[in-house]
Amino acid sequence: MTTQSQRAAIVTGGSRGIGAAITRRLAQDGIAVVINYASGRDAAEALVAEIETAGGHAIAMQADLADPATPARLFDAAERAFGGVDILVNNAGVMELAPLAEVTDEAFARQTSINLDSVFRSLREAARRLRDGGRIVSFSSSVIGLYQPGYGVYAATKAAIEAMTHILAKELGSRSITVNAVAPGPVETRLFLEGKSEQQVRAIAAMNPFGRLGQPGDIAGIVAFLAGSESGWINGQIIRANGGVV
């Protein structure tokens, strides 16, 4: 059971990679978490068990973000379990790289469905149901500043998220809800490493002034700050969390 004063969060894509790091960090900070996942029930349930063993509160909920009903279902689950929602982290996303001339309609639809449509619906639900003084953190990407070939559709979806972030921050200001986004550079996750040779990974790491890839914990700490009480004067901002690559 959670206390009346405990804050609660929804983290989409919260069972693996950056999402799992965010979930752990929020739980460590005393926040109850709804962990949304699309697949991989075992990983989600293991994360819930880990958090509860450490004295925290979490539930896992499988839901396809391509389904327009999913955001409402996530908020319903959080309200039943924890009494309300204070934090929304829009972390889930997909990336399919190809030159624009080679992008199929199906690939375009998959990326816009998860990266843009579902984020819009989650932002809309949060605008209606988040408790006053809440926090919204969405994910953009530093590829917007790099303009690398092959990233056209992915970067476009993230640019749209940045626009909605700036505007929603102004729309929700009267309720003291902050709306920000984090734009990571390359982060060492299974999704990032998949399909890349060791040479490619080294070359990407060398683009960074620190000569390394980001780690999930690097991003989780920033999200935790934006979700916390000390970030109340940061609103409508895009945090480029990339170690200086751009």
Foldseek 3Di string as FASTA:
>chain_A
DDDPPAAEEEQEQQQFFLNVLLVVVCQVVRYEYEYEDADDVVSVVVSQVVSVVVPGHYDYDYDDLLDLCVLVVSQVVCCVVPNFHQEYEAEDFDADFDAPVPDDPVNLCRRCSRLAVSVVSNLVVCLVTHAQLGEYEYEAACVLVVVDGRRVSNNVSRVVVLVCQLVVLVVRVVSLYAGEYEHEYAEDGPNSCPPDDPVRQQVSLCLAPVSGGHYSNLVSVVVSVRRDDVNSVDHSYYHYHYNPSD
